[in-house]
Amino acid sequence: MQPHCKSCDCNMDEPILDNFSYHYPPELLEVLIETIPTLVKSKQALLSFFRNAGVSSSTLKPYEDIVSRDRNAIKMYDIARGVLIELNEQGDKSLSTRRKILKAVVDFEDFDTCCYENRRNEARGLVWKVREIVNRKDSFTRMRIERDNEKLKNIREKEAALVAEKKKKQERIKRVQADLSSLLKSENPHKRGKDLEKVLNELFACYGILVRDSFVIKGDCSEGIIEQIDGAIELDNAYYIVEMKWWKNTIGRPEVIDHIVRIANRGGQVRGLYISFSDYSDAAISECKNALNRNVLVVLATIDEIFRVLEADADLKSWLKAKEQAAVLDKKPYVKV
C-alpha cells in the first residue's frame, strides 16, 4: 500500500518524491530545516533520524562530537541546516539519502509520540506544508507529463497514419504492377492500348502525380475531333502530354514527330512524355534531340523501364526527373535510368 497523505487526500507515491529528491530546491530546503527538528524530542533523536535515513557517519560525526561535548553548544535547527545543506551539495552521492529523508517527512504521522506536546500542532502544520510543496510540484509535473503524452500520442498517430498510407500505396502499386503484367497476355491490341492508358494513369496517381485521363480536342469550326490525347500529368508544376503505344514494331520518326508537333503547338507551355512497349529507332531519338533546339522537350520511355522501377521499389517521380534532366542538360531524350 502506498503512503497516504491525510491532509490532502492524495497518494504520496515514489514518482512524486523523485521530483525533489535529486536536489532540494530552496523553498523545500528551508521548510525541511524548520520541520525536521519539530518531529523529534532531542538532538540525539535528530541525529538518529538522519542516521536511519542513510546519512553517512562522516557527515554526522562533527555534530555528534559537539553534542557529546556540550549538547547546549548547538541547536537542532543548526544541525538540520548543516546536514541538509551538505547532503544537497553532495549531488548524486546522496541522492538516495535525500529521498529517504523527504519520504520520512511526507509519511510522518506519529505526532503524539515523537513530538513535544506543545509543538505537535506546529509539526503537523510544517509537515502539511512540505506535502503541499511536493503536491504543487507534482501537479505541474503531471500536467507536463500529460502534455508530453499527448504530443507523443499525436506523433504515434501520425506515424501510424504514415505507415498505413505507405502500406496502402504499396498495395495499390502492386495491383498496378499486376495489371501491367496481365497486359502482356492480352491479344486484343485496341483493348490492350486502352487498358494501358488506365493502368499507367493509375500508376502516376499512386506516386502523387496529378493525372488527367485521355481526352479529345475538337475544332472551333465543327471540324470534329482534331486531336486525341492519351493523358496528361503534372510533375513539379510542369505539364506533360503523354502518348502511350503498345506496338510490337519499333517506334519510328513519324510517330514521334506527331507528338513533337502536338507539344510545339502549345507554345512551349507543356512537355511531352512518350511511353512505348517497343524500342525507338535512331531516327526517332534524333528527331526528339533536334526538337530541343526549338524548345520542345519530349522524353522517351519504355514500359520495360517502368517494370524495372516497380521491381526495384524505386520512386517513379525520381525516375521521371532523372530522364527529364538527361534530356534537358545532356540532350539525351532517351536514356534508360
C-alpha atoms as a PDB file:
ATOM      1  CA  MET A   1       0.000   0.000   0.000  1.00  0.00           C
ATOM      2  CA  GLN A   2       1.279   3.448  -0.922  1.00  0.00           C
ATOM      3  CA  PRO A   3       1.727   6.076   1.863  1.00  0.00           C
ATOM      4  CA  HIS A   4      -1.375   8.210   2.159  1.00  0.00           C
ATOM      5  CA  CYS A   5      -1.459  11.935   2.764  1.00  0.00           C
ATOM      6  CA  LYS A   6      -4.423  12.627   5.040  1.00  0.00           C
ATOM      7  CA  SER A   7      -4.129  16.378   4.773  1.00  0.00           C
ATOM      8  CA  CYS A   8      -4.808  16.493   1.026  1.00  0.00           C
ATOM      9  CA  ASP A   9      -6.256  13.016   0.402  1.00  0.00           C
ATOM     10  CA  CYS A  10      -3.635  12.010  -2.188  1.00  0.00           C
ATOM     11  CA  ASN A  11      -1.133   9.214  -2.596  1.00  0.00           C
ATOM     12  CA  MET A  12       2.410  10.322  -1.797  1.00  0.00           C
ATOM     13  CA  ASP A  13       3.915   7.778  -4.142  1.00  0.00           C
ATOM     14  CA  GLU A  14       7.550   7.461  -5.097  1.00  0.00           C
ATOM     15  CA  PRO A  15       7.383   9.225  -8.518  1.00  0.00           C
ATOM     16  CA  ILE A  16       6.151  12.366  -6.725  1.00  0.00           C
ATOM     17  CA  LEU A  17       9.124  12.340  -4.352  1.00  0.00           C
ATOM     18  CA  ASP A  18      11.504  11.854  -7.257  1.00  0.00           C
ATOM     19  CA  ASN A  19      10.601  15.348  -8.429  1.00  0.00           C
ATOM     20  CA  PHE A  20      12.553  16.675  -5.422  1.00  0.00           C
ATOM     21  CA  SER A  21      14.993  14.001  -4.328  1.00  0.00           C
ATOM     22  CA  TYR A  22      17.649  14.894  -6.897  1.00  0.00           C
ATOM     23  CA  HIS A  23      18.164  18.313  -5.342  1.00  0.00           C
ATOM     24  CA  TYR A  24      16.089  20.111  -2.735  1.00  0.00           C
ATOM     25  CA  PRO A  25      15.005  23.480  -4.183  1.00  0.00           C
ATOM     26  CA  PRO A  26      15.443  26.482  -1.825  1.00  0.00           C
ATOM     27  CA  GLU A  27      11.801  26.655  -0.718  1.00  0.00           C
ATOM     28  CA  LEU A  28      11.659  22.979   0.195  1.00  0.00           C
ATOM     29  CA  LEU A  29      15.113  23.030   1.818  1.00  0.00           C
ATOM     30  CA  GLU A  30      14.123  25.810   4.212  1.00  0.00           C
ATOM     31  CA  VAL A  31      10.847  24.114   5.150  1.00  0.00           C
ATOM     32  CA  LEU A  32      12.638  20.804   5.807  1.00  0.00           C
ATOM     33  CA  ILE A  33      15.177  22.575   8.020  1.00  0.00           C
ATOM     34  CA  GLU A  34      12.310  24.043  10.007  1.00  0.00           C
ATOM     35  CA  THR A  35      10.195  20.873  10.045  1.00  0.00           C
ATOM     36  CA  ILE A  36      12.540  18.017  10.961  1.00  0.00           C
ATOM     37  CA  PRO A  37      13.566  19.374  14.415  1.00  0.00           C
ATOM     38  CA  THR A  38       9.880  19.512  15.394  1.00  0.00           C
ATOM     39  CA  LEU A  39       9.465  15.790  14.724  1.00  0.00           C
ATOM     40  CA  VAL A  40      11.905  14.677  17.461  1.00  0.00           C
ATOM     41  CA  LYS A  41      12.414  15.445  21.154  1.00  0.00           C
ATOM     42  CA  SER A  42      16.202  15.613  21.359  1.00  0.00           C
ATOM     43  CA  LYS A  43      19.407  16.220  19.468  1.00  0.00           C
ATOM     44  CA  GLN A  44      20.292  12.544  19.768  1.00  0.00           C
ATOM     45  CA  ALA A  45      16.883  11.672  18.276  1.00  0.00           C
ATOM     46  CA  LEU A  46      17.546  14.141  15.475  1.00  0.00           C
ATOM     47  CA  LEU A  47      20.898  12.524  14.704  1.00  0.00           C
ATOM     48  CA  SER A  48      19.191   9.109  14.781  1.00  0.00           C
ATOM     49  CA  PHE A  49      16.555  10.403  12.320  1.00  0.00           C
ATOM     50  CA  PHE A  50      19.302  11.324   9.865  1.00  0.00           C
ATOM     51  CA  ARG A  51      21.257   8.117  10.540  1.00  0.00           C
ATOM     52  CA  ASN A  52      18.190   5.973   9.859  1.00  0.00           C
ATOM     53  CA  ALA A  53      17.721   7.832   6.566  1.00  0.00           C
ATOM     54  CA  GLY A  54      21.211   6.805   5.495  1.00  0.00           C
ATOM     55  CA  VAL A  55      23.254   9.923   6.240  1.00  0.00           C
ATOM     56  CA  SER A  56      26.901   8.866   6.397  1.00  0.00           C
ATOM     57  CA  SER A  57      28.872   8.754   9.630  1.00  0.00           C
ATOM     58  CA  SER A  58      31.385  11.231   8.201  1.00  0.00           C
ATOM     59  CA  THR A  59      28.609  13.770   7.698  1.00  0.00           C
ATOM     60  CA  LEU A  60      27.104  13.273  11.179  1.00  0.00           C
ATOM     61  CA  LYS A  61      30.326  12.879  13.202  1.00  0.00           C
ATOM     62  CA  PRO A  62      31.079  16.627  13.643  1.00  0.00           C
ATOM     63  CA  TYR A  63      27.605  17.163  15.076  1.00  0.00           C
ATOM     64  CA  GLU A  64      27.808  14.031  17.246  1.00  0.00           C
ATOM     65  CA  ASP A  65      31.094  15.279  18.695  1.00  0.00           C
ATOM     66  CA  ILE A  66      29.606  18.678  19.524  1.00  0.00           C
ATOM     67  CA  VAL A  67      26.527  17.133  21.161  1.00  0.00           C
ATOM     68  CA  SER A  68      28.718  14.709  23.136  1.00  0.00           C
ATOM     69  CA  ARG A  69      30.889  17.512  24.493  1.00  0.00           C
ATOM     70  CA  ASP A  70      28.121  20.009  25.178  1.00  0.00           C
ATOM     71  CA  ARG A  71      24.600  19.465  23.937  1.00  0.00           C
ATOM     72  CA  ASN A  72      23.798  23.120  24.533  1.00  0.00           C
ATOM     73  CA  ALA A  73      26.559  24.227  22.167  1.00  0.00           C
ATOM     74  CA  ILE A  74      24.426  23.715  19.065  1.00  0.00           C
ATOM     75  CA  LYS A  75      20.741  23.990  18.243  1.00  0.00           C
ATOM     76  CA  MET A  76      18.707  21.310  16.494  1.00  0.00           C
ATOM     77  CA  TYR A  77      17.970  23.739  13.652  1.00  0.00           C
ATOM     78  CA  ASP A  78      21.710  24.263  13.140  1.00  0.00           C
ATOM     79  CA  ILE A  79      22.210  20.502  12.932  1.00  0.00           C
ATOM     80  CA  ALA A  80      19.328  20.133  10.485  1.00  0.00           C
ATOM     81  CA  ARG A  81      20.557  23.021   8.352  1.00  0.00           C
ATOM     82  CA  GLY A  82      24.142  21.805   8.262  1.00  0.00           C
ATOM     83  CA  VAL A  83      23.242  18.213   7.414  1.00  0.00           C
ATOM     84  CA  LEU A  84      20.652  19.051   4.738  1.00  0.00           C
ATOM     85  CA  ILE A  85      22.832  21.658   3.023  1.00  0.00           C
ATOM     86  CA  GLU A  86      25.759  19.224   2.933  1.00  0.00           C
ATOM     87  CA  LEU A  87      23.529  16.486   1.507  1.00  0.00           C
ATOM     88  CA  ASN A  88      22.303  18.906  -1.148  1.00  0.00           C
ATOM     89  CA  GLU A  89      25.868  19.738  -2.118  1.00  0.00           C
ATOM     90  CA  GLN A  90      26.859  16.063  -2.374  1.00  0.00           C
ATOM     91  CA  GLY A  91      24.748  15.648  -5.542  1.00  0.00           C
ATOM     92  CA  ASP A  92      24.321  12.095  -6.857  1.00  0.00           C
ATOM     93  CA  LYS A  93      26.291  10.666  -3.937  1.00  0.00           C
ATOM     94  CA  SER A  94      23.452  11.399  -1.505  1.00  0.00           C
ATOM     95  CA  LEU A  95      20.517  11.043  -3.862  1.00  0.00           C
ATOM     96  CA  SER A  96      19.070   8.014  -2.050  1.00  0.00           C
ATOM     97  CA  THR A  97      19.532   9.637   1.366  1.00  0.00           C
ATOM     98  CA  ARG A  98      17.801  12.873   0.387  1.00  0.00           C
ATOM     99  CA  ARG A  99      14.942  10.838  -0.981  1.00  0.00           C
ATOM    100  CA  LYS A 100      14.565   8.822   2.227  1.00  0.00           C
ATOM    101  CA  ILE A 101      14.552  11.989   4.338  1.00  0.00           C
ATOM    102  CA  LEU A 102      11.841  13.581   2.232  1.00  0.00           C
ATOM    103  CA  LYS A 103       9.786  10.386   2.284  1.00  0.00           C
ATOM    104  CA  ALA A 104      10.107  10.156   6.075  1.00  0.00           C
ATOM    105  CA  VAL A 105       8.782  13.706   6.478  1.00  0.00           C
ATOM    106  CA  VAL A 106       5.940  13.277   3.971  1.00  0.00           C
ATOM    107  CA  ASP A 107       4.865   9.974   5.577  1.00  0.00           C
ATOM    108  CA  PHE A 108       5.221  11.210   9.151  1.00  0.00           C
ATOM    109  CA  GLU A 109       2.079  10.683  11.299  1.00  0.00           C
ATOM    110  CA  ASP A 110       3.323   9.816  14.813  1.00  0.00           C
ATOM    111  CA  PHE A 111       2.977  13.338  16.154  1.00  0.00           C
ATOM    112  CA  ASP A 112       1.666  12.268  19.573  1.00  0.00           C
ATOM    113  CA  THR A 113       4.605  10.024  20.360  1.00  0.00           C
ATOM    114  CA  CYS A 114       7.609  11.664  18.718  1.00  0.00           C
ATOM    115  CA  CYS A 115       6.848  15.381  19.127  1.00  0.00           C
ATOM    116  CA  TYR A 116       6.807  17.580  22.191  1.00  0.00           C
ATOM    117  CA  GLU A 117       3.237  18.178  23.243  1.00  0.00           C
ATOM    118  CA  ASN A 118       3.498  21.940  22.794  1.00  0.00           C
ATOM    119  CA  ARG A 119       4.922  21.524  19.271  1.00  0.00           C
ATOM    120  CA  ARG A 120       2.551  18.932  17.851  1.00  0.00           C
ATOM    121  CA  ASN A 121       0.336  21.408  16.013  1.00  0.00           C
ATOM    122  CA  GLU A 122       3.393  23.253  14.679  1.00  0.00           C
ATOM    123  CA  ALA A 123       4.819  19.927  13.457  1.00  0.00           C
ATOM    124  CA  ARG A 124       1.526  18.989  11.795  1.00  0.00           C
ATOM    125  CA  GLY A 125       1.409  22.366  10.041  1.00  0.00           C
ATOM    126  CA  LEU A 126       5.003  22.091   8.815  1.00  0.00           C
ATOM    127  CA  VAL A 127       4.552  18.525   7.563  1.00  0.00           C
ATOM    128  CA  TRP A 128       1.412  19.664   5.756  1.00  0.00           C
ATOM    129  CA  LYS A 129       3.461  22.488   4.193  1.00  0.00           C
ATOM    130  CA  VAL A 130       6.081  20.026   2.939  1.00  0.00           C
ATOM    131  CA  ARG A 131       3.322  17.873   1.470  1.00  0.00           C
ATOM    132  CA  GLU A 132       1.731  20.925  -0.145  1.00  0.00           C
ATOM    133  CA  ILE A 133       5.025  21.896  -1.807  1.00  0.00           C
ATOM    134  CA  VAL A 134       5.510  18.351  -3.069  1.00  0.00           C
ATOM    135  CA  ASN A 135       1.928  18.130  -4.314  1.00  0.00           C
ATOM    136  CA  ARG A 136       2.132  21.501  -6.056  1.00  0.00           C
ATOM    137  CA  LYS A 137       5.267  20.443  -7.845  1.00  0.00           C
ATOM    138  CA  ASP A 138       3.675  17.131  -8.701  1.00  0.00           C
ATOM    139  CA  SER A 139       0.644  18.881 -10.229  1.00  0.00           C
ATOM    140  CA  PHE A 140       2.885  20.791 -12.629  1.00  0.00           C
ATOM    141  CA  THR A 141       4.838  17.627 -13.324  1.00  0.00           C
ATOM    142  CA  ARG A 142       1.671  15.674 -14.084  1.00  0.00           C
ATOM    143  CA  MET A 143       0.459  18.437 -16.417  1.00  0.00           C
ATOM    144  CA  ARG A 144       3.802  18.382 -18.214  1.00  0.00           C
ATOM    145  CA  ILE A 145       3.675  14.591 -18.442  1.00  0.00           C
ATOM    146  CA  GLU A 146       0.129  14.781 -19.797  1.00  0.00           C
ATOM    147  CA  ARG A 147       1.223  17.332 -22.415  1.00  0.00           C
ATOM    148  CA  ASP A 148       4.208  15.174 -23.318  1.00  0.00           C
ATOM    149  CA  ASN A 149       1.994  12.105 -23.518  1.00  0.00           C
ATOM    150  CA  GLU A 150      -0.461  13.970 -25.745  1.00  0.00           C
ATOM    151  CA  LYS A 151       2.365  15.055 -28.032  1.00  0.00           C
ATOM    152  CA  LEU A 152       3.706  11.505 -28.087  1.00  0.00           C
ATOM    153  CA  LYS A 153       0.220  10.203 -28.845  1.00  0.00           C
ATOM    154  CA  ASN A 154      -0.121  12.659 -31.755  1.00  0.00           C
ATOM    155  CA  ILE A 155       3.304  11.675 -33.067  1.00  0.00           C
ATOM    156  CA  ARG A 156       2.450   7.991 -32.867  1.00  0.00           C
ATOM    157  CA  GLU A 157      -0.899   8.558 -34.554  1.00  0.00           C
ATOM    158  CA  LYS A 158       0.824  10.460 -37.366  1.00  0.00           C
ATOM    159  CA  GLU A 159       3.455   7.734 -37.676  1.00  0.00           C
ATOM    160  CA  ALA A 160       0.740   5.083 -37.747  1.00  0.00           C
ATOM    161  CA  ALA A 161      -1.134   7.064 -40.398  1.00  0.00           C
ATOM    162  CA  LEU A 162       2.044   7.349 -42.478  1.00  0.00           C
ATOM    163  CA  VAL A 163       2.688   3.621 -42.139  1.00  0.00           C
ATOM    164  CA  ALA A 164      -0.907   2.856 -43.113  1.00  0.00           C
ATOM    165  CA  GLU A 165      -0.687   5.258 -46.056  1.00  0.00           C
ATOM    166  CA  LYS A 166       2.600   3.736 -47.176  1.00  0.00           C
ATOM    167  CA  LYS A 167       1.127   0.239 -46.936  1.00  0.00           C
ATOM    168  CA  LYS A 168      -1.943   1.359 -48.873  1.00  0.00           C
ATOM    169  CA  LYS A 169       0.288   2.896 -51.544  1.00  0.00           C
ATOM    170  CA  GLN A 170       2.415  -0.257 -51.785  1.00  0.00           C
ATOM    171  CA  GLU A 171      -0.692  -2.422 -52.173  1.00  0.00           C
ATOM    172  CA  ARG A 172      -2.024  -0.051 -54.817  1.00  0.00           C
ATOM    173  CA  ILE A 173       1.271  -0.165 -56.716  1.00  0.00           C
ATOM    174  CA  LYS A 174       1.331  -3.957 -56.549  1.00  0.00           C
ATOM    175  CA  ARG A 175      -2.133  -4.049 -58.119  1.00  0.00           C
ATOM    176  CA  VAL A 176      -0.935  -1.744 -60.892  1.00  0.00           C
ATOM    177  CA  GLN A 177       2.109  -3.932 -61.411  1.00  0.00           C
ATOM    178  CA  ALA A 178      -0.135  -6.988 -61.660  1.00  0.00           C
ATOM    179  CA  ASP A 179      -2.459  -5.193 -64.102  1.00  0.00           C
ATOM    180  CA  LEU A 180       0.525  -4.116 -66.183  1.00  0.00           C
ATOM    181  CA  SER A 181       1.825  -7.697 -66.252  1.00  0.00           C
ATOM    182  CA  SER A 182      -1.572  -9.002 -67.305  1.00  0.00           C
ATOM    183  CA  LEU A 183      -1.445  -6.792 -70.403  1.00  0.00           C
ATOM    184  CA  LEU A 184       1.392  -8.966 -71.679  1.00  0.00           C
ATOM    185  CA  LYS A 185      -1.133 -11.751 -72.147  1.00  0.00           C
ATOM    186  CA  SER A 186      -3.713  -9.605 -73.915  1.00  0.00           C
ATOM    187  CA  GLU A 187      -4.274 -10.480 -77.591  1.00  0.00           C
ATOM    188  CA  ASN A 188      -6.568  -7.560 -78.420  1.00  0.00           C
ATOM    189  CA  PRO A 189      -4.307  -4.649 -79.488  1.00  0.00           C
ATOM    190  CA  HIS A 190      -7.015  -1.984 -79.246  1.00  0.00           C
ATOM    191  CA  LYS A 191      -8.218  -3.109 -75.815  1.00  0.00           C
ATOM    192  CA  ARG A 192      -4.637  -3.503 -74.650  1.00  0.00           C
ATOM    193  CA  GLY A 193      -3.860   0.073 -75.682  1.00  0.00           C
ATOM    194  CA  LYS A 194      -6.869   1.493 -73.839  1.00  0.00           C
ATOM    195  CA  ASP A 195      -6.097  -0.602 -70.774  1.00  0.00           C
ATOM    196  CA  LEU A 196      -2.501   0.614 -70.844  1.00  0.00           C
ATOM    197  CA  GLU A 197      -3.717   4.205 -70.545  1.00  0.00           C
ATOM    198  CA  LYS A 198      -5.779   3.353 -67.457  1.00  0.00           C
ATOM    199  CA  VAL A 199      -3.007   1.320 -65.822  1.00  0.00           C
ATOM    200  CA  LEU A 200      -0.293   3.926 -66.328  1.00  0.00           C
ATOM    201  CA  ASN A 201      -2.543   6.779 -65.234  1.00  0.00           C
ATOM    202  CA  GLU A 202      -3.313   4.812 -62.063  1.00  0.00           C
ATOM    203  CA  LEU A 203       0.422   4.284 -61.572  1.00  0.00           C
ATOM    204  CA  PHE A 204       1.117   8.022 -61.830  1.00  0.00           C
ATOM    205  CA  ALA A 205      -1.652   8.677 -59.330  1.00  0.00           C
ATOM    206  CA  CYS A 206      -0.073   6.198 -56.890  1.00  0.00           C
ATOM    207  CA  TYR A 207       3.009   8.409 -56.725  1.00  0.00           C
ATOM    208  CA  GLY A 208       1.050  11.606 -56.215  1.00  0.00           C
ATOM    209  CA  ILE A 209       1.472  12.747 -59.808  1.00  0.00           C
ATOM    210  CA  LEU A 210      -1.604  14.664 -60.883  1.00  0.00           C
ATOM    211  CA  VAL A 211      -3.275  12.911 -63.783  1.00  0.00           C
ATOM    212  CA  ARG A 212      -5.780  13.831 -66.421  1.00  0.00           C
ATOM    213  CA  ASP A 213      -7.190  10.837 -68.256  1.00  0.00           C
ATOM    214  CA  SER A 214      -7.392  10.609 -72.031  1.00  0.00           C
ATOM    215  CA  PHE A 215      -9.355  13.386 -73.686  1.00  0.00           C
ATOM    216  CA  VAL A 216     -10.090  14.812 -77.119  1.00  0.00           C
ATOM    217  CA  ILE A 217      -9.888  18.307 -78.572  1.00  0.00           C
ATOM    218  CA  LYS A 218     -12.494  19.405 -81.084  1.00  0.00           C
ATOM    219  CA  GLY A 219     -12.167  22.136 -83.688  1.00  0.00           C
ATOM    220  CA  ASP A 220     -13.804  25.506 -83.266  1.00  0.00           C
ATOM    221  CA  CYS A 221     -15.464  25.308 -86.696  1.00  0.00           C
ATOM    222  CA  SER A 222     -17.279  21.995 -86.422  1.00  0.00           C
ATOM    223  CA  GLU A 223     -14.282  20.028 -87.653  1.00  0.00           C
ATOM    224  CA  GLY A 224     -14.995  17.348 -85.092  1.00  0.00           C
ATOM    225  CA  ILE A 225     -12.160  15.725 -83.174  1.00  0.00           C
ATOM    226  CA  ILE A 226      -8.839  17.169 -84.250  1.00  0.00           C
ATOM    227  CA  GLU A 227      -6.650  15.751 -81.522  1.00  0.00           C
ATOM    228  CA  GLN A 228      -6.716  12.624 -79.342  1.00  0.00           C
ATOM    229  CA  ILE A 229      -4.668  12.811 -76.126  1.00  0.00           C
ATOM    230  CA  ASP A 230      -3.857   9.600 -74.241  1.00  0.00           C
ATOM    231  CA  GLY A 231      -3.430  11.513 -70.999  1.00  0.00           C
ATOM    232  CA  ALA A 232      -1.661  14.343 -69.221  1.00  0.00           C
ATOM    233  CA  ILE A 233       0.299  14.579 -65.971  1.00  0.00           C
ATOM    234  CA  GLU A 234       1.696  17.343 -63.783  1.00  0.00           C
ATOM    235  CA  LEU A 235       5.147  16.928 -62.246  1.00  0.00           C
ATOM    236  CA  ASP A 236       6.680  19.748 -60.181  1.00  0.00           C
ATOM    237  CA  ASN A 237       4.374  22.337 -61.737  1.00  0.00           C
ATOM    238  CA  ALA A 238       5.268  21.194 -65.258  1.00  0.00           C
ATOM    239  CA  TYR A 239       2.624  19.672 -67.540  1.00  0.00           C
ATOM    240  CA  TYR A 240       3.338  16.643 -69.704  1.00  0.00           C
ATOM    241  CA  ILE A 241       1.146  15.374 -72.517  1.00  0.00           C
ATOM    242  CA  VAL A 242       1.513  11.606 -72.539  1.00  0.00           C
ATOM    243  CA  GLU A 243       1.472   9.363 -75.600  1.00  0.00           C
ATOM    244  CA  MET A 244       1.288   5.588 -74.995  1.00  0.00           C
ATOM    245  CA  LYS A 245       1.913   2.876 -77.560  1.00  0.00           C
ATOM    246  CA  TRP A 246       1.857  -0.898 -77.240  1.00  0.00           C
ATOM    247  CA  TRP A 247       3.290  -1.849 -80.567  1.00  0.00           C
ATOM    248  CA  LYS A 248       5.491  -4.773 -81.461  1.00  0.00           C
ATOM    249  CA  ASN A 249       7.335  -2.741 -84.074  1.00  0.00           C
ATOM    250  CA  THR A 250       9.941  -0.110 -83.223  1.00  0.00           C
ATOM    251  CA  ILE A 251       8.614   3.418 -82.783  1.00  0.00           C
ATOM    252  CA  GLY A 252       9.959   5.410 -85.720  1.00  0.00           C
ATOM    253  CA  ARG A 253      10.410   9.019 -86.718  1.00  0.00           C
ATOM    254  CA  PRO A 254       6.813   9.592 -87.998  1.00  0.00           C
ATOM    255  CA  GLU A 255       5.290   8.541 -84.678  1.00  0.00           C
ATOM    256  CA  VAL A 256       7.438  10.813 -82.541  1.00  0.00           C
ATOM    257  CA  ILE A 257       7.026  13.735 -84.978  1.00  0.00           C
ATOM    258  CA  ASP A 258       3.289  13.633 -84.379  1.00  0.00           C
ATOM    259  CA  HIS A 259       3.925  14.021 -80.652  1.00  0.00           C
ATOM    260  CA  ILE A 260       6.560  16.714 -81.165  1.00  0.00           C
ATOM    261  CA  VAL A 261       4.087  18.733 -83.253  1.00  0.00           C
ATOM    262  CA  ARG A 262       1.446  18.290 -80.582  1.00  0.00           C
ATOM    263  CA  ILE A 263       3.857  19.744 -77.976  1.00  0.00           C
ATOM    264  CA  ALA A 264       5.156  22.514 -80.237  1.00  0.00           C
ATOM    265  CA  ASN A 265       1.622  23.701 -80.983  1.00  0.00           C
ATOM    266  CA  ARG A 266       1.218  24.545 -77.308  1.00  0.00           C
ATOM    267  CA  GLY A 267       3.839  27.272 -77.432  1.00  0.00           C
ATOM    268  CA  GLY A 268       6.365  25.740 -75.057  1.00  0.00           C
ATOM    269  CA  GLN A 269       3.835  25.592 -72.216  1.00  0.00           C
ATOM    270  CA  VAL A 270       3.912  21.790 -71.947  1.00  0.00           C
ATOM    271  CA  ARG A 271       6.360  18.938 -72.331  1.00  0.00           C
ATOM    272  CA  GLY A 272       5.963  15.536 -73.897  1.00  0.00           C
ATOM    273  CA  LEU A 273       6.296  12.019 -72.493  1.00  0.00           C
ATOM    274  CA  TYR A 274       6.247   9.079 -74.877  1.00  0.00           C
ATOM    275  CA  ILE A 275       5.834   5.603 -73.349  1.00  0.00           C
ATOM    276  CA  SER A 276       6.226   2.600 -75.627  1.00  0.00           C
ATOM    277  CA  PHE A 277       6.206  -1.167 -75.281  1.00  0.00           C
ATOM    278  CA  SER A 278       8.747  -1.454 -78.105  1.00  0.00           C
ATOM    279  CA  ASP A 279      12.031   0.412 -78.513  1.00  0.00           C
ATOM    280  CA  TYR A 280      12.748   3.595 -80.521  1.00  0.00           C
ATOM    281  CA  SER A 281      14.608   3.919 -83.815  1.00  0.00           C
ATOM    282  CA  ASP A 282      17.730   6.069 -84.039  1.00  0.00           C
ATOM    283  CA  ALA A 283      15.824   8.449 -86.327  1.00  0.00           C
ATOM    284  CA  ALA A 284      13.085   8.866 -83.730  1.00  0.00           C
ATOM    285  CA  ILE A 285      15.621   9.604 -80.980  1.00  0.00           C
ATOM    286  CA  SER A 286      17.457  12.047 -83.244  1.00  0.00           C
ATOM    287  CA  GLU A 287      14.198  13.875 -84.055  1.00  0.00           C
ATOM    288  CA  CYS A 288      13.482  14.375 -80.335  1.00  0.00           C
ATOM    289  CA  LYS A 289      17.026  15.592 -79.811  1.00  0.00           C
ATOM    290  CA  ASN A 290      16.693  18.146 -82.619  1.00  0.00           C
ATOM    291  CA  ALA A 291      13.362  19.289 -81.190  1.00  0.00           C
ATOM    292  CA  LEU A 292      15.226  20.535 -78.103  1.00  0.00           C
ATOM    293  CA  ASN A 293      16.754  23.238 -80.337  1.00  0.00           C
ATOM    294  CA  ARG A 294      13.197  24.519 -80.867  1.00  0.00           C
ATOM    295  CA  ASN A 295      12.466  24.463 -77.136  1.00  0.00           C
ATOM    296  CA  VAL A 296      10.342  21.330 -77.463  1.00  0.00           C
ATOM    297  CA  LEU A 297      11.012  18.661 -74.869  1.00  0.00           C
ATOM    298  CA  VAL A 298       9.842  15.090 -75.455  1.00  0.00           C
ATOM    299  CA  VAL A 299      11.099  12.418 -73.064  1.00  0.00           C
ATOM    300  CA  LEU A 300      11.156   8.878 -74.413  1.00  0.00           C
ATOM    301  CA  ALA A 301      10.497   5.920 -72.114  1.00  0.00           C
ATOM    302  CA  THR A 302       9.592   2.253 -72.333  1.00  0.00           C
ATOM    303  CA  ILE A 303       7.236   0.049 -70.356  1.00  0.00           C
ATOM    304  CA  ASP A 304      10.218  -2.161 -69.563  1.00  0.00           C
ATOM    305  CA  GLU A 305      11.764   0.778 -67.672  1.00  0.00           C
ATOM    306  CA  ILE A 306       8.577   1.163 -65.656  1.00  0.00           C
ATOM    307  CA  PHE A 307       8.638  -2.546 -64.814  1.00  0.00           C
ATOM    308  CA  ARG A 308      12.179  -2.111 -63.528  1.00  0.00           C
ATOM    309  CA  VAL A 309      11.193   0.872 -61.399  1.00  0.00           C
ATOM    310  CA  LEU A 310       8.398  -1.167 -59.817  1.00  0.00           C
ATOM    311  CA  GLU A 311      10.581  -4.235 -59.301  1.00  0.00           C
ATOM    312  CA  ALA A 312      13.253  -2.127 -57.588  1.00  0.00           C
ATOM    313  CA  ASP A 313      10.622  -0.420 -55.407  1.00  0.00           C
ATOM    314  CA  ALA A 314      12.066   2.861 -56.679  1.00  0.00           C
ATOM    315  CA  ASP A 315      10.343   6.240 -56.895  1.00  0.00           C
ATOM    316  CA  LEU A 316       8.548   6.980 -60.147  1.00  0.00           C
ATOM    317  CA  LYS A 317       8.908  10.749 -59.686  1.00  0.00           C
ATOM    318  CA  SER A 318      12.675  10.450 -59.277  1.00  0.00           C
ATOM    319  CA  TRP A 319      12.852   8.274 -62.368  1.00  0.00           C
ATOM    320  CA  LEU A 320      10.958  10.834 -64.462  1.00  0.00           C
ATOM    321  CA  LYS A 321      13.047  13.716 -63.078  1.00  0.00           C
ATOM    322  CA  ALA A 322      16.242  11.861 -63.978  1.00  0.00           C
ATOM    323  CA  LYS A 323      15.055  11.272 -67.532  1.00  0.00           C
ATOM    324  CA  GLU A 324      13.968  14.897 -67.846  1.00  0.00           C
ATOM    325  CA  GLN A 325      17.377  16.068 -66.596  1.00  0.00           C
ATOM    326  CA  ALA A 326      19.181  13.844 -69.107  1.00  0.00           C
ATOM    327  CA  ALA A 327      17.038  15.264 -71.932  1.00  0.00           C
ATOM    328  CA  VAL A 328      17.441  18.931 -70.952  1.00  0.00           C
ATOM    329  CA  LEU A 329      21.059  19.028 -69.763  1.00  0.00           C
ATOM    330  CA  ASP A 330      22.677  16.228 -71.755  1.00  0.00           C
ATOM    331  CA  LYS A 331      20.415  16.493 -74.832  1.00  0.00           C
ATOM    332  CA  LYS A 332      19.617  12.800 -74.478  1.00  0.00           C
ATOM    333  CA  PRO A 333      15.844  12.344 -74.718  1.00  0.00           C
ATOM    334  CA  TYR A 334      16.140   8.577 -74.441  1.00  0.00           C
ATOM    335  CA  VAL A 335      18.272   7.415 -71.539  1.00  0.00           C
ATOM    336  CA  LYS A 336      17.408   4.343 -69.510  1.00  0.00           C
ATOM    337  CA  VAL A 337      17.802   5.214 -65.820  1.00  0.00           C
END
